[in-house]
Protein backbone atom coordinates (compact mmCIF):
# COMPACT_ATOMS: atom_id res chain seq x y z
CA MET A 1 4.21 4.60 9.10
CA LEU A 2 2.92 1.28 7.88
CA ASN A 3 4.89 -1.36 6.08
CA SER A 4 3.44 -2.73 2.87
CA LYS A 5 2.27 -5.95 4.52
CA GLN A 6 0.33 -4.02 7.16
CA LEU A 7 -1.20 -1.77 4.52
CA ILE A 8 -2.33 -4.76 2.46
CA GLU A 9 -3.86 -6.45 5.50
CA MET A 10 -5.64 -3.31 6.71
CA THR A 11 -7.14 -2.39 3.33
CA GLY A 12 -7.81 -5.83 1.86
CA ILE A 13 -6.02 -5.12 -1.42
CA SER A 14 -3.53 -7.45 -3.06
CA ARG A 15 0.17 -6.80 -3.43
CA ALA A 16 -0.36 -6.49 -7.19
CA THR A 17 -2.98 -3.79 -6.62
CA LEU A 18 -0.65 -1.96 -4.25
CA ASN A 19 2.11 -2.08 -6.85
CA ASN A 20 -0.30 -0.82 -9.53
CA TYR A 21 -1.39 2.10 -7.34
CA VAL A 22 2.25 3.09 -6.89
CA ALA A 23 2.97 2.70 -10.61
CA LEU A 24 -0.08 4.82 -11.51
CA GLY A 25 0.87 7.52 -9.02
CA ILE A 26 -2.19 6.96 -6.85
CA LEU A 27 0.16 6.27 -3.95
CA PRO A 28 3.65 7.72 -3.59
CA SER A 29 6.57 5.33 -3.80
CA PRO A 30 7.27 3.70 -0.46
CA ILE A 31 10.25 4.50 1.68
CA VAL A 32 12.34 1.33 1.56
CA LYS A 33 14.06 0.32 4.77
CA THR A 34 16.02 -2.73 5.83
CA SER A 35 13.93 -4.96 8.05
CA ASP A 36 15.06 -5.68 11.61
CA ASN A 37 12.86 -8.74 11.56
CA GLU A 38 14.44 -12.14 10.98
CA GLY A 39 11.66 -13.09 8.56
CA ARG A 40 12.01 -13.65 4.84
CA ALA A 41 11.83 -10.03 3.73
CA THR A 42 15.10 -8.19 4.17
CA ARG A 43 13.71 -4.88 2.89
CA LEU A 44 10.23 -3.48 3.34
CA GLY A 45 8.42 -0.54 1.83
CA TYR A 46 6.83 1.88 4.29
CA PHE A 47 3.89 4.16 3.54
CA GLU A 48 2.48 7.13 5.40
CA ASP A 49 -0.66 6.39 7.43
CA GLU A 50 -2.69 8.52 4.99
CA ALA A 51 -2.27 5.76 2.39
CA ILE A 52 -5.14 3.90 4.09
CA ASP A 53 -7.51 6.81 3.47
CA ARG A 54 -6.40 7.12 -0.14
CA ILE A 55 -6.90 3.41 -0.83
CA ASN A 56 -10.32 3.51 0.80
CA ARG A 57 -11.28 6.49 -1.39
CA VAL A 58 -10.21 4.57 -4.49
CA LYS A 59 -12.23 1.55 -3.39
CA GLN A 60 -15.27 3.79 -2.86
CA MET A 61 -14.89 5.40 -6.29
CA LYS A 62 -14.60 1.96 -7.90
CA LYS A 63 -17.88 0.94 -6.22
CA GLN A 64 -19.46 4.03 -7.76
CA GLY A 65 -18.39 2.80 -11.19
CA LEU A 66 -15.41 5.10 -11.72
CA THR A 67 -12.22 3.74 -13.22
C-alpha cells in the first residue's frame, strides 16, 4: 500500500487532482490510518498499489484528448 504522499510523488499529480479522482470515483476512497511518523500529518490515506496503474491510464487517456 502507498500513502497519498507517495502516490502523488510517484505519479506526478497534485493533491487536488488526487482528491478529484477520489471524488469522481476514478480511485476508491483511501484507507485512513494514524501515522506513526512524528511529522505534521497525524493521519494518512493509503491506496492500493494498483492506483498507480489507474492514474497512469487516466493520464494516457487525457493525452489522447479524452475527458
